[in-house]
Amino acid sequence: MRVVSVIVAAGKGERFGSKKQFEKINGKMVLDYSVEILSEFGEVVIVASKEDLEFVKSFYPQATVVEGGKERMHSVYNGLKSIKDCDIVLIHDAARPLIYREMVSAVIDAAGEFSAAIPVIGAFETLKRKRDGFVVQTIDRSSIVISQTPQGFEFKKLLKALNECILKGEIYTDESAVWEKYYGEVKTVEGSRKNIKITTKEDLELVRCLLG
């Protein structure tokens, strides 16, 4: 089974204050951690912003590097279009450096069997719905999960679905949501609470601590 990973690293870091995918942890860039793990499973495509293309190409000569798009979905689509062919494509956030081999293998195996799979963790906090500054509802969390990446899909079907979305002007922030819209259910596998997406400076410090 041929697997290709698309790492989305085109973020401009406007909320974070810098490009978090290039922040250093233990002398390595955040992006390095994902590239190292996913390279063990097959080819890697890195989607970068236009201004970072040459830098990323020079730093990762073993990877295919393509330019990102206006929205995340367009960046993923550009990455998919650069792939000649494969069975399973993994889509991963560059800002999640703490992935591990067993989880990636589980996603690949489940995607191979069920066509689409994502790692998830349970909602471990009490969930509330608020309105105008007041809690109005406590949400039953027993069936709620938090999705993570890498997410795995049957390559040709995901490419077709994203093409349809773009033609229709639909915007999704998560590839599994696209799959749900066009094909239905997505298999879940066990993720990890350590698989943090770096969104804030505090997240970066937490990842630094977890990496020792």
N, C-alpha and C. Protein backbone atom coordinates (compact mmCIF):
# COMPACT_ATOMS: atom_id res chain seq x y z
N MET A 1 0.85 -1.20 0.00
CA MET A 1 0.00 0.00 0.00
C MET A 1 0.89 1.24 0.00
N ARG A 2 0.71 2.08 -1.00
CA ARG A 2 1.53 3.29 -1.12
C ARG A 2 0.89 4.43 -0.34
N VAL A 3 1.69 5.03 0.54
CA VAL A 3 1.21 6.12 1.40
C VAL A 3 2.03 7.38 1.11
N VAL A 4 1.34 8.49 0.98
CA VAL A 4 1.99 9.80 0.85
C VAL A 4 1.40 10.72 1.92
N SER A 5 2.26 11.47 2.58
CA SER A 5 1.82 12.41 3.61
C SER A 5 1.89 13.84 3.10
N VAL A 6 0.84 14.60 3.33
CA VAL A 6 0.81 16.02 3.01
C VAL A 6 0.84 16.79 4.33
N ILE A 7 1.91 17.53 4.55
CA ILE A 7 2.04 18.32 5.77
C ILE A 7 1.71 19.77 5.44
N VAL A 8 0.70 20.30 6.11
CA VAL A 8 0.25 21.67 5.85
C VAL A 8 1.07 22.63 6.72
N ALA A 9 1.95 23.39 6.07
CA ALA A 9 2.87 24.28 6.78
C ALA A 9 2.86 25.68 6.17
N ALA A 10 1.67 26.08 5.67
CA ALA A 10 1.57 27.36 4.97
C ALA A 10 1.03 28.48 5.85
N GLY A 11 0.87 28.21 7.13
CA GLY A 11 0.32 29.23 8.03
C GLY A 11 1.22 30.44 8.16
N LYS A 12 0.60 31.60 8.29
CA LYS A 12 1.35 32.86 8.40
C LYS A 12 1.61 33.26 9.84
N GLY A 13 0.99 32.57 10.79
CA GLY A 13 1.24 32.83 12.21
C GLY A 13 0.74 34.17 12.70
N GLU A 14 -0.34 34.68 12.12
CA GLU A 14 -0.83 36.00 12.51
C GLU A 14 -1.32 36.02 13.95
N ARG A 15 -2.03 34.98 14.38
CA ARG A 15 -2.51 34.93 15.77
C ARG A 15 -1.38 34.58 16.73
N PHE A 16 -0.49 33.71 16.28
CA PHE A 16 0.59 33.25 17.14
C PHE A 16 1.66 34.33 17.33
N GLY A 17 1.87 35.14 16.30
CA GLY A 17 2.88 36.18 16.37
C GLY A 17 4.15 35.86 15.61
N SER A 18 4.25 34.62 15.14
CA SER A 18 5.36 34.18 14.30
C SER A 18 4.92 32.88 13.63
N LYS A 19 5.73 32.36 12.74
CA LYS A 19 5.38 31.12 12.05
C LYS A 19 5.78 29.94 12.94
N LYS A 20 4.79 29.39 13.62
CA LYS A 20 5.06 28.38 14.64
C LYS A 20 5.70 27.13 14.08
N GLN A 21 5.45 26.84 12.78
CA GLN A 21 6.04 25.64 12.20
C GLN A 21 7.56 25.72 12.12
N PHE A 22 8.11 26.93 12.22
CA PHE A 22 9.56 27.11 12.15
C PHE A 22 10.18 27.46 13.50
N GLU A 23 9.37 27.49 14.56
CA GLU A 23 9.91 27.72 15.90
C GLU A 23 10.84 26.57 16.27
N LYS A 24 11.83 26.85 17.11
CA LYS A 24 12.80 25.84 17.49
C LYS A 24 12.45 25.19 18.83
N ILE A 25 12.56 23.87 18.87
CA ILE A 25 12.42 23.09 20.10
C ILE A 25 13.58 22.11 20.14
N ASN A 26 14.40 22.20 21.15
CA ASN A 26 15.57 21.32 21.27
C ASN A 26 16.46 21.38 20.03
N GLY A 27 16.59 22.57 19.46
CA GLY A 27 17.47 22.75 18.32
C GLY A 27 16.89 22.31 16.98
N LYS A 28 15.63 21.87 16.98
CA LYS A 28 14.97 21.45 15.74
C LYS A 28 13.73 22.29 15.53
N MET A 29 13.37 22.50 14.27
CA MET A 29 12.13 23.20 13.98
C MET A 29 10.93 22.31 14.30
N VAL A 30 9.82 22.94 14.64
CA VAL A 30 8.59 22.20 14.90
C VAL A 30 8.27 21.29 13.72
N LEU A 31 8.42 21.79 12.53
CA LEU A 31 8.12 21.02 11.32
C LEU A 31 8.99 19.77 11.20
N ASP A 32 10.23 19.84 11.69
CA ASP A 32 11.15 18.71 11.58
C ASP A 32 10.57 17.43 12.17
N TYR A 33 9.90 17.57 13.31
CA TYR A 33 9.42 16.39 14.02
C TYR A 33 8.42 15.59 13.18
N SER A 34 7.50 16.29 12.52
CA SER A 34 6.51 15.60 11.68
C SER A 34 7.16 15.00 10.44
N VAL A 35 8.06 15.76 9.82
CA VAL A 35 8.73 15.26 8.61
C VAL A 35 9.49 13.97 8.92
N GLU A 36 10.19 13.94 10.03
CA GLU A 36 10.98 12.76 10.39
C GLU A 36 10.11 11.52 10.56
N ILE A 37 9.00 11.66 11.29
CA ILE A 37 8.13 10.50 11.53
C ILE A 37 7.42 10.06 10.25
N LEU A 38 6.80 11.01 9.55
CA LEU A 38 6.00 10.65 8.38
C LEU A 38 6.85 10.14 7.22
N SER A 39 8.11 10.55 7.15
CA SER A 39 9.01 10.07 6.09
C SER A 39 9.24 8.57 6.20
N GLU A 40 9.06 8.02 7.39
CA GLU A 40 9.24 6.59 7.57
C GLU A 40 8.14 5.76 6.90
N PHE A 41 7.02 6.42 6.58
CA PHE A 41 5.87 5.71 6.01
C PHE A 41 5.73 5.90 4.50
N GLY A 42 6.52 6.79 3.93
CA GLY A 42 6.43 7.03 2.49
C GLY A 42 6.85 8.44 2.13
N GLU A 43 6.49 8.85 0.94
CA GLU A 43 6.86 10.18 0.47
C GLU A 43 6.15 11.27 1.27
N VAL A 44 6.79 12.44 1.30
CA VAL A 44 6.23 13.58 2.04
C VAL A 44 6.09 14.78 1.11
N VAL A 45 4.94 15.41 1.16
CA VAL A 45 4.68 16.67 0.47
C VAL A 45 4.50 17.74 1.53
N ILE A 46 5.24 18.84 1.41
CA ILE A 46 5.09 19.95 2.35
C ILE A 46 4.46 21.12 1.61
N VAL A 47 3.39 21.64 2.16
CA VAL A 47 2.72 22.80 1.58
C VAL A 47 3.16 24.03 2.36
N ALA A 48 3.80 24.97 1.68
CA ALA A 48 4.35 26.16 2.34
C ALA A 48 3.82 27.42 1.67
N SER A 49 3.91 28.53 2.39
CA SER A 49 3.50 29.80 1.80
C SER A 49 4.49 30.22 0.73
N LYS A 50 4.07 31.10 -0.15
CA LYS A 50 4.90 31.51 -1.28
C LYS A 50 6.25 32.05 -0.82
N GLU A 51 6.24 32.87 0.26
CA GLU A 51 7.49 33.49 0.71
C GLU A 51 8.44 32.49 1.38
N ASP A 52 7.92 31.31 1.75
CA ASP A 52 8.75 30.32 2.43
C ASP A 52 9.17 29.17 1.52
N LEU A 53 8.74 29.17 0.27
CA LEU A 53 8.97 28.03 -0.62
C LEU A 53 10.44 27.67 -0.75
N GLU A 54 11.27 28.66 -1.05
CA GLU A 54 12.69 28.38 -1.28
C GLU A 54 13.37 27.91 0.00
N PHE A 55 13.00 28.50 1.11
CA PHE A 55 13.57 28.08 2.40
C PHE A 55 13.24 26.63 2.68
N VAL A 56 11.97 26.27 2.53
CA VAL A 56 11.53 24.91 2.82
C VAL A 56 12.17 23.92 1.84
N LYS A 57 12.25 24.29 0.58
CA LYS A 57 12.88 23.41 -0.42
C LYS A 57 14.33 23.14 -0.06
N SER A 58 15.04 24.18 0.39
CA SER A 58 16.46 24.01 0.72
C SER A 58 16.65 23.17 1.98
N PHE A 59 15.69 23.26 2.89
CA PHE A 59 15.82 22.55 4.16
C PHE A 59 15.36 21.10 4.06
N TYR A 60 14.42 20.82 3.13
CA TYR A 60 13.89 19.46 2.99
C TYR A 60 14.00 19.00 1.53
N PRO A 61 15.21 18.77 1.05
CA PRO A 61 15.38 18.38 -0.36
C PRO A 61 14.74 17.03 -0.69
N GLN A 62 14.49 16.21 0.34
CA GLN A 62 13.89 14.89 0.13
C GLN A 62 12.39 14.96 -0.09
N ALA A 63 11.79 16.12 0.20
CA ALA A 63 10.33 16.26 0.10
C ALA A 63 9.92 17.03 -1.15
N THR A 64 8.68 16.83 -1.56
CA THR A 64 8.07 17.67 -2.58
C THR A 64 7.48 18.88 -1.87
N VAL A 65 7.81 20.07 -2.34
CA VAL A 65 7.33 21.30 -1.69
C VAL A 65 6.46 22.07 -2.68
N VAL A 66 5.24 22.40 -2.27
CA VAL A 66 4.31 23.11 -3.15
C VAL A 66 3.76 24.33 -2.43
N GLU A 67 3.25 25.26 -3.21
CA GLU A 67 2.73 26.51 -2.65
C GLU A 67 1.32 26.32 -2.11
N GLY A 68 1.08 26.94 -0.97
CA GLY A 68 -0.24 26.88 -0.36
C GLY A 68 -1.25 27.77 -1.05
N GLY A 69 -2.49 27.71 -0.57
CA GLY A 69 -3.57 28.49 -1.16
C GLY A 69 -4.16 29.46 -0.17
N LYS A 70 -5.27 30.06 -0.54
CA LYS A 70 -5.90 31.08 0.28
C LYS A 70 -6.36 30.52 1.62
N GLU A 71 -7.02 29.39 1.60
CA GLU A 71 -7.51 28.73 2.81
C GLU A 71 -6.79 27.40 2.97
N ARG A 72 -6.88 26.83 4.16
CA ARG A 72 -6.25 25.53 4.42
C ARG A 72 -6.68 24.49 3.37
N MET A 73 -7.99 24.48 3.06
CA MET A 73 -8.50 23.51 2.11
C MET A 73 -7.82 23.62 0.75
N HIS A 74 -7.56 24.86 0.32
CA HIS A 74 -6.87 25.06 -0.95
C HIS A 74 -5.43 24.58 -0.87
N SER A 75 -4.81 24.76 0.29
CA SER A 75 -3.44 24.29 0.47
C SER A 75 -3.38 22.76 0.39
N VAL A 76 -4.33 22.10 1.05
CA VAL A 76 -4.39 20.64 0.99
C VAL A 76 -4.62 20.18 -0.44
N TYR A 77 -5.51 20.86 -1.14
CA TYR A 77 -5.80 20.50 -2.54
C TYR A 77 -4.56 20.65 -3.41
N ASN A 78 -3.79 21.71 -3.21
CA ASN A 78 -2.55 21.89 -3.96
C ASN A 78 -1.57 20.75 -3.68
N GLY A 79 -1.52 20.34 -2.41
CA GLY A 79 -0.67 19.22 -2.06
C GLY A 79 -1.10 17.94 -2.73
N LEU A 80 -2.40 17.67 -2.75
CA LEU A 80 -2.91 16.46 -3.38
C LEU A 80 -2.63 16.44 -4.88
N LYS A 81 -2.76 17.59 -5.51
CA LYS A 81 -2.54 17.65 -6.96
C LYS A 81 -1.10 17.35 -7.35
N SER A 82 -0.17 17.52 -6.41
CA SER A 82 1.24 17.25 -6.72
C SER A 82 1.57 15.76 -6.65
N ILE A 83 0.63 14.96 -6.16
CA ILE A 83 0.86 13.52 -6.00
C ILE A 83 0.43 12.80 -7.29
N LYS A 84 1.34 12.03 -7.85
CA LYS A 84 1.01 11.32 -9.09
C LYS A 84 -0.03 10.22 -8.81
N ASP A 85 0.21 9.46 -7.78
CA ASP A 85 -0.75 8.42 -7.42
C ASP A 85 -0.34 7.82 -6.08
N CYS A 86 -1.31 7.38 -5.31
CA CYS A 86 -1.04 6.62 -4.09
C CYS A 86 -2.34 5.98 -3.65
N ASP A 87 -2.27 5.13 -2.66
CA ASP A 87 -3.47 4.48 -2.13
C ASP A 87 -4.07 5.31 -1.00
N ILE A 88 -3.24 5.61 0.00
CA ILE A 88 -3.70 6.38 1.16
C ILE A 88 -2.89 7.66 1.27
N VAL A 89 -3.59 8.76 1.47
CA VAL A 89 -2.92 10.04 1.73
C VAL A 89 -3.20 10.45 3.16
N LEU A 90 -2.14 10.87 3.84
CA LEU A 90 -2.27 11.41 5.19
C LEU A 90 -2.18 12.92 5.13
N ILE A 91 -3.07 13.60 5.83
CA ILE A 91 -3.06 15.06 5.92
C ILE A 91 -2.70 15.42 7.36
N HIS A 92 -1.65 16.22 7.51
CA HIS A 92 -1.16 16.50 8.86
C HIS A 92 -0.86 17.98 9.05
N ASP A 93 -1.17 18.48 10.26
CA ASP A 93 -0.85 19.85 10.63
C ASP A 93 0.62 19.94 11.03
N ALA A 94 1.35 20.86 10.42
CA ALA A 94 2.76 21.04 10.79
C ALA A 94 2.92 21.44 12.24
N ALA A 95 1.88 22.05 12.82
CA ALA A 95 1.94 22.52 14.20
C ALA A 95 1.65 21.43 15.22
N ARG A 96 1.63 20.18 14.79
CA ARG A 96 1.48 19.04 15.71
C ARG A 96 2.75 18.19 15.65
N PRO A 97 3.76 18.53 16.42
CA PRO A 97 5.03 17.80 16.33
C PRO A 97 5.08 16.50 17.13
N LEU A 98 4.10 16.26 18.00
CA LEU A 98 4.20 15.12 18.92
C LEU A 98 3.44 13.88 18.45
N ILE A 99 3.45 13.64 17.15
CA ILE A 99 2.86 12.40 16.65
C ILE A 99 3.84 11.26 16.91
N TYR A 100 3.31 10.03 16.93
CA TYR A 100 4.19 8.88 17.15
C TYR A 100 3.81 7.76 16.18
N ARG A 101 4.74 6.85 15.96
CA ARG A 101 4.63 5.85 14.90
C ARG A 101 3.40 4.97 15.03
N GLU A 102 3.09 4.54 16.25
CA GLU A 102 1.96 3.64 16.44
C GLU A 102 0.64 4.29 16.02
N MET A 103 0.48 5.56 16.31
CA MET A 103 -0.75 6.26 15.94
C MET A 103 -0.83 6.41 14.42
N VAL A 104 0.28 6.77 13.79
CA VAL A 104 0.29 6.90 12.33
C VAL A 104 -0.05 5.56 11.68
N SER A 105 0.55 4.48 12.18
CA SER A 105 0.26 3.15 11.64
C SER A 105 -1.21 2.79 11.79
N ALA A 106 -1.78 3.14 12.94
CA ALA A 106 -3.20 2.83 13.18
C ALA A 106 -4.10 3.59 12.21
N VAL A 107 -3.77 4.84 11.93
CA VAL A 107 -4.55 5.64 10.98
C VAL A 107 -4.44 5.03 9.58
N ILE A 108 -3.23 4.66 9.18
CA ILE A 108 -3.04 4.07 7.85
C ILE A 108 -3.81 2.76 7.71
N ASP A 109 -3.71 1.90 8.71
CA ASP A 109 -4.42 0.61 8.66
C ASP A 109 -5.93 0.81 8.58
N ALA A 110 -6.45 1.72 9.41
CA ALA A 110 -7.90 1.95 9.42
C ALA A 110 -8.37 2.59 8.12
N ALA A 111 -7.57 3.52 7.57
CA ALA A 111 -7.93 4.15 6.29
C ALA A 111 -7.89 3.13 5.17
N GLY A 112 -6.94 2.20 5.25
CA GLY A 112 -6.88 1.15 4.23
C GLY A 112 -8.10 0.26 4.27
N GLU A 113 -8.64 0.02 5.45
CA GLU A 113 -9.81 -0.86 5.60
C GLU A 113 -11.13 -0.12 5.39
N PHE A 114 -11.22 1.12 5.89
CA PHE A 114 -12.49 1.85 5.89
C PHE A 114 -12.52 3.07 4.98
N SER A 115 -11.43 3.34 4.27
CA SER A 115 -11.29 4.46 3.31
C SER A 115 -11.02 5.81 3.95
N ALA A 116 -11.37 5.98 5.21
CA ALA A 116 -11.11 7.25 5.89
C ALA A 116 -10.98 6.99 7.39
N ALA A 117 -9.97 7.62 8.01
CA ALA A 117 -9.76 7.42 9.45
C ALA A 117 -9.06 8.63 10.05
N ILE A 118 -9.43 8.94 11.30
CA ILE A 118 -8.80 10.06 12.00
C ILE A 118 -8.51 9.66 13.44
N PRO A 119 -7.43 10.21 14.03
CA PRO A 119 -7.20 9.99 15.45
C PRO A 119 -8.05 10.96 16.27
N VAL A 120 -8.60 10.47 17.36
CA VAL A 120 -9.44 11.32 18.21
C VAL A 120 -9.11 11.05 19.67
N ILE A 121 -9.44 12.01 20.52
CA ILE A 121 -9.42 11.81 21.97
C ILE A 121 -10.78 12.20 22.52
N GLY A 122 -11.14 11.63 23.66
CA GLY A 122 -12.41 11.96 24.28
C GLY A 122 -12.41 13.37 24.82
N ALA A 123 -13.59 13.93 24.93
CA ALA A 123 -13.74 15.25 25.56
C ALA A 123 -13.66 15.04 27.06
N PHE A 124 -12.53 15.40 27.67
CA PHE A 124 -12.28 15.07 29.06
C PHE A 124 -12.69 16.17 30.03
N GLU A 125 -13.16 17.29 29.51
CA GLU A 125 -13.67 18.36 30.37
C GLU A 125 -15.19 18.43 30.23
N THR A 126 -15.85 18.99 31.24
CA THR A 126 -17.29 19.23 31.13
C THR A 126 -17.53 20.32 30.09
N LEU A 127 -18.43 20.05 29.16
CA LEU A 127 -18.70 20.98 28.06
C LEU A 127 -19.95 21.81 28.35
N LYS A 128 -19.86 23.09 28.12
CA LYS A 128 -20.97 24.00 28.36
C LYS A 128 -21.25 24.82 27.09
N ARG A 129 -22.51 25.17 26.90
CA ARG A 129 -22.88 26.09 25.84
C ARG A 129 -23.24 27.43 26.50
N LYS A 130 -22.69 28.53 25.99
CA LYS A 130 -22.98 29.82 26.60
C LYS A 130 -23.67 30.76 25.62
N ARG A 131 -24.34 31.76 26.16
CA ARG A 131 -24.99 32.78 25.36
C ARG A 131 -24.96 34.09 26.15
N ASP A 132 -24.45 35.12 25.52
CA ASP A 132 -24.39 36.45 26.15
C ASP A 132 -23.70 36.42 27.52
N GLY A 133 -22.65 35.60 27.63
CA GLY A 133 -21.88 35.57 28.86
C GLY A 133 -22.40 34.66 29.94
N PHE A 134 -23.47 33.88 29.64
CA PHE A 134 -24.05 32.99 30.65
C PHE A 134 -24.13 31.57 30.10
N VAL A 135 -23.90 30.59 30.95
CA VAL A 135 -24.06 29.19 30.57
C VAL A 135 -25.55 28.89 30.44
N VAL A 136 -25.93 28.31 29.31
CA VAL A 136 -27.34 27.98 29.08
C VAL A 136 -27.58 26.48 28.93
N GLN A 137 -26.48 25.71 28.80
CA GLN A 137 -26.67 24.27 28.61
C GLN A 137 -25.38 23.53 28.93
N THR A 138 -25.52 22.37 29.59
CA THR A 138 -24.40 21.45 29.75
C THR A 138 -24.56 20.36 28.71
N ILE A 139 -23.50 20.12 27.93
CA ILE A 139 -23.57 19.19 26.80
C ILE A 139 -23.10 17.80 27.22
N ASP A 140 -23.87 16.79 26.83
CA ASP A 140 -23.47 15.40 27.10
C ASP A 140 -22.21 15.10 26.30
N ARG A 141 -21.13 14.81 27.00
CA ARG A 141 -19.86 14.62 26.32
C ARG A 141 -19.56 13.16 25.97
N SER A 142 -20.47 12.25 26.30
CA SER A 142 -20.19 10.83 26.12
C SER A 142 -19.94 10.45 24.66
N SER A 143 -20.55 11.19 23.74
CA SER A 143 -20.35 10.88 22.32
C SER A 143 -19.52 11.94 21.60
N ILE A 144 -18.91 12.85 22.37
CA ILE A 144 -18.11 13.93 21.79
C ILE A 144 -16.64 13.54 21.79
N VAL A 145 -15.99 13.74 20.65
CA VAL A 145 -14.54 13.51 20.57
C VAL A 145 -13.87 14.72 19.93
N ILE A 146 -12.58 14.85 20.18
CA ILE A 146 -11.77 15.92 19.61
C ILE A 146 -10.88 15.33 18.53
N SER A 147 -10.98 15.85 17.32
CA SER A 147 -10.21 15.28 16.22
C SER A 147 -8.80 15.83 16.19
N GLN A 148 -7.89 15.00 15.69
CA GLN A 148 -6.49 15.36 15.56
C GLN A 148 -6.01 15.02 14.16
N THR A 149 -4.75 15.19 13.92
CA THR A 149 -4.12 14.75 12.68
C THR A 149 -2.87 13.95 13.07
N PRO A 150 -2.36 13.07 12.17
CA PRO A 150 -2.70 12.96 10.75
C PRO A 150 -4.02 12.24 10.51
N GLN A 151 -4.74 12.70 9.49
CA GLN A 151 -5.97 12.06 9.06
C GLN A 151 -5.68 11.33 7.74
N GLY A 152 -6.21 10.11 7.63
CA GLY A 152 -5.92 9.29 6.45
C GLY A 152 -7.14 9.04 5.58
N PHE A 153 -6.92 9.07 4.26
CA PHE A 153 -8.04 8.93 3.32
C PHE A 153 -7.61 8.17 2.07
N GLU A 154 -8.59 7.55 1.43
CA GLU A 154 -8.38 7.01 0.09
C GLU A 154 -8.09 8.19 -0.83
N PHE A 155 -6.93 8.19 -1.43
CA PHE A 155 -6.42 9.36 -2.13
C PHE A 155 -7.36 9.89 -3.21
N LYS A 156 -7.76 9.04 -4.13
CA LYS A 156 -8.54 9.51 -5.28
C LYS A 156 -9.89 10.08 -4.85
N LYS A 157 -10.50 9.48 -3.85
CA LYS A 157 -11.81 9.96 -3.40
C LYS A 157 -11.70 11.31 -2.70
N LEU A 158 -10.63 11.50 -1.90
CA LEU A 158 -10.47 12.80 -1.24
C LEU A 158 -10.17 13.88 -2.26
N LEU A 159 -9.34 13.58 -3.24
CA LEU A 159 -9.03 14.55 -4.30
C LEU A 159 -10.30 14.96 -5.04
N LYS A 160 -11.14 14.00 -5.36
CA LYS A 160 -12.39 14.29 -6.06
C LYS A 160 -13.31 15.16 -5.21
N ALA A 161 -13.41 14.85 -3.92
CA ALA A 161 -14.30 15.61 -3.03
C ALA A 161 -13.81 17.04 -2.86
N LEU A 162 -12.51 17.23 -2.68
CA LEU A 162 -11.97 18.59 -2.54
C LEU A 162 -12.15 19.39 -3.81
N ASN A 163 -12.01 18.74 -4.95
CA ASN A 163 -12.24 19.42 -6.22
C ASN A 163 -13.68 19.91 -6.31
N GLU A 164 -14.61 19.07 -5.88
CA GLU A 164 -16.03 19.46 -5.89
C GLU A 164 -16.26 20.66 -4.95
N CYS A 165 -15.66 20.60 -3.76
CA CYS A 165 -15.82 21.70 -2.80
C CYS A 165 -15.34 23.02 -3.39
N ILE A 166 -14.19 22.98 -4.01
CA ILE A 166 -13.60 24.20 -4.55
C ILE A 166 -14.43 24.74 -5.71
N LEU A 167 -14.94 23.86 -6.55
CA LEU A 167 -15.80 24.29 -7.66
C LEU A 167 -17.08 24.95 -7.15
N LYS A 168 -17.57 24.46 -6.01
CA LYS A 168 -18.81 25.00 -5.43
C LYS A 168 -18.56 26.17 -4.49
N GLY A 169 -17.29 26.46 -4.21
CA GLY A 169 -16.97 27.55 -3.30
C GLY A 169 -17.21 27.22 -1.84
N GLU A 170 -17.26 25.93 -1.51
CA GLU A 170 -17.45 25.49 -0.13
C GLU A 170 -16.12 25.53 0.62
N ILE A 171 -16.15 25.93 1.89
CA ILE A 171 -14.94 26.00 2.70
C ILE A 171 -15.09 25.11 3.93
N TYR A 172 -14.13 24.22 4.12
CA TYR A 172 -14.07 23.38 5.30
C TYR A 172 -12.69 23.53 5.93
N THR A 173 -12.62 23.45 7.25
CA THR A 173 -11.33 23.57 7.93
C THR A 173 -10.75 22.22 8.30
N ASP A 174 -11.45 21.16 7.93
CA ASP A 174 -11.06 19.81 8.33
C ASP A 174 -11.42 18.85 7.20
N GLU A 175 -10.46 18.05 6.78
CA GLU A 175 -10.69 17.16 5.64
C GLU A 175 -11.72 16.07 5.96
N SER A 176 -11.77 15.65 7.22
CA SER A 176 -12.77 14.63 7.56
C SER A 176 -14.19 15.17 7.42
N ALA A 177 -14.35 16.49 7.60
CA ALA A 177 -15.68 17.10 7.39
C ALA A 177 -16.06 17.04 5.91
N VAL A 178 -15.08 17.20 5.05
CA VAL A 178 -15.33 17.06 3.60
C VAL A 178 -15.77 15.63 3.30
N TRP A 179 -15.06 14.67 3.89
CA TRP A 179 -15.38 13.26 3.66
C TRP A 179 -16.80 12.94 4.16
N GLU A 180 -17.13 13.46 5.33
CA GLU A 180 -18.48 13.24 5.87
C GLU A 180 -19.54 13.76 4.91
N LYS A 181 -19.29 14.93 4.34
CA LYS A 181 -20.25 15.56 3.43
C LYS A 181 -20.46 14.70 2.18
N TYR A 182 -19.38 14.19 1.62
CA TYR A 182 -19.47 13.52 0.32
C TYR A 182 -19.58 12.00 0.40
N TYR A 183 -19.04 11.41 1.47
CA TYR A 183 -18.99 9.94 1.51
C TYR A 183 -19.58 9.32 2.77
N GLY A 184 -19.72 10.09 3.85
CA GLY A 184 -20.32 9.52 5.05
C GLY A 184 -19.34 9.31 6.19
N GLU A 185 -19.42 8.16 6.83
CA GLU A 185 -18.71 7.93 8.09
C GLU A 185 -17.18 7.90 7.94
N VAL A 186 -16.52 8.31 9.02
CA VAL A 186 -15.07 8.29 9.12
C VAL A 186 -14.70 7.45 10.33
N LYS A 187 -13.83 6.48 10.13
CA LYS A 187 -13.40 5.61 11.23
C LYS A 187 -12.50 6.39 12.20
N THR A 188 -12.66 6.14 13.49
CA THR A 188 -11.82 6.79 14.49
C THR A 188 -10.82 5.79 15.07
N VAL A 189 -9.62 6.29 15.37
CA VAL A 189 -8.61 5.51 16.09
C VAL A 189 -8.15 6.35 17.28
N GLU A 190 -7.48 5.70 18.20
CA GLU A 190 -7.07 6.39 19.42
C GLU A 190 -5.95 7.39 19.15
N GLY A 191 -6.20 8.65 19.51
CA GLY A 191 -5.19 9.68 19.43
C GLY A 191 -4.46 9.80 20.75
N SER A 192 -3.92 10.96 21.02
CA SER A 192 -3.18 11.17 22.26
C SER A 192 -3.35 12.60 22.74
N ARG A 193 -3.47 12.75 24.05
CA ARG A 193 -3.55 14.10 24.61
C ARG A 193 -2.23 14.85 24.42
N LYS A 194 -1.16 14.12 24.18
CA LYS A 194 0.13 14.77 23.91
C LYS A 194 0.21 15.34 22.49
N ASN A 195 -0.69 14.89 21.63
CA ASN A 195 -0.67 15.33 20.23
C ASN A 195 -1.28 16.73 20.11
N ILE A 196 -0.61 17.67 20.73
CA ILE A 196 -1.12 19.04 20.84
C ILE A 196 -0.90 19.80 19.53
N LYS A 197 -1.88 20.60 19.16
CA LYS A 197 -1.68 21.53 18.05
C LYS A 197 -1.22 22.85 18.64
N ILE A 198 -0.04 23.30 18.26
CA ILE A 198 0.50 24.55 18.80
C ILE A 198 -0.29 25.71 18.22
N THR A 199 -1.04 26.37 19.09
CA THR A 199 -1.85 27.51 18.69
C THR A 199 -1.42 28.78 19.41
N THR A 200 -0.97 28.62 20.64
CA THR A 200 -0.55 29.77 21.45
C THR A 200 0.89 29.58 21.92
N LYS A 201 1.46 30.64 22.49
CA LYS A 201 2.81 30.55 23.06
C LYS A 201 2.85 29.54 24.20
N GLU A 202 1.75 29.46 24.96
CA GLU A 202 1.68 28.50 26.05
C GLU A 202 1.75 27.06 25.52
N ASP A 203 1.09 26.81 24.38
CA ASP A 203 1.16 25.49 23.76
C ASP A 203 2.60 25.14 23.41
N LEU A 204 3.32 26.11 22.86
CA LEU A 204 4.71 25.88 22.48
C LEU A 204 5.56 25.52 23.70
N GLU A 205 5.34 26.21 24.79
CA GLU A 205 6.08 25.91 26.01
C GLU A 205 5.73 24.54 26.56
N LEU A 206 4.45 24.17 26.44
CA LEU A 206 4.02 22.85 26.90
C LEU A 206 4.69 21.76 26.08
N VAL A 207 4.74 21.94 24.76
CA VAL A 207 5.40 20.96 23.88
C VAL A 207 6.88 20.86 24.24
N ARG A 208 7.51 22.00 24.51
CA ARG A 208 8.92 21.99 24.92
C ARG A 208 9.10 21.14 26.17
N CYS A 209 8.18 21.28 27.12
CA CYS A 209 8.26 20.49 28.36
C CYS A 209 8.08 19.00 28.07
N LEU A 210 7.11 18.66 27.23
CA LEU A 210 6.85 17.27 26.91
C LEU A 210 8.02 16.62 26.17
N LEU A 211 8.76 17.42 25.41
CA LEU A 211 9.92 16.91 24.70
C LEU A 211 11.19 16.95 25.55
N GLY A 212 11.02 17.40 26.79
CA GLY A 212 12.15 17.39 27.71
C GLY A 212 13.16 18.48 27.48
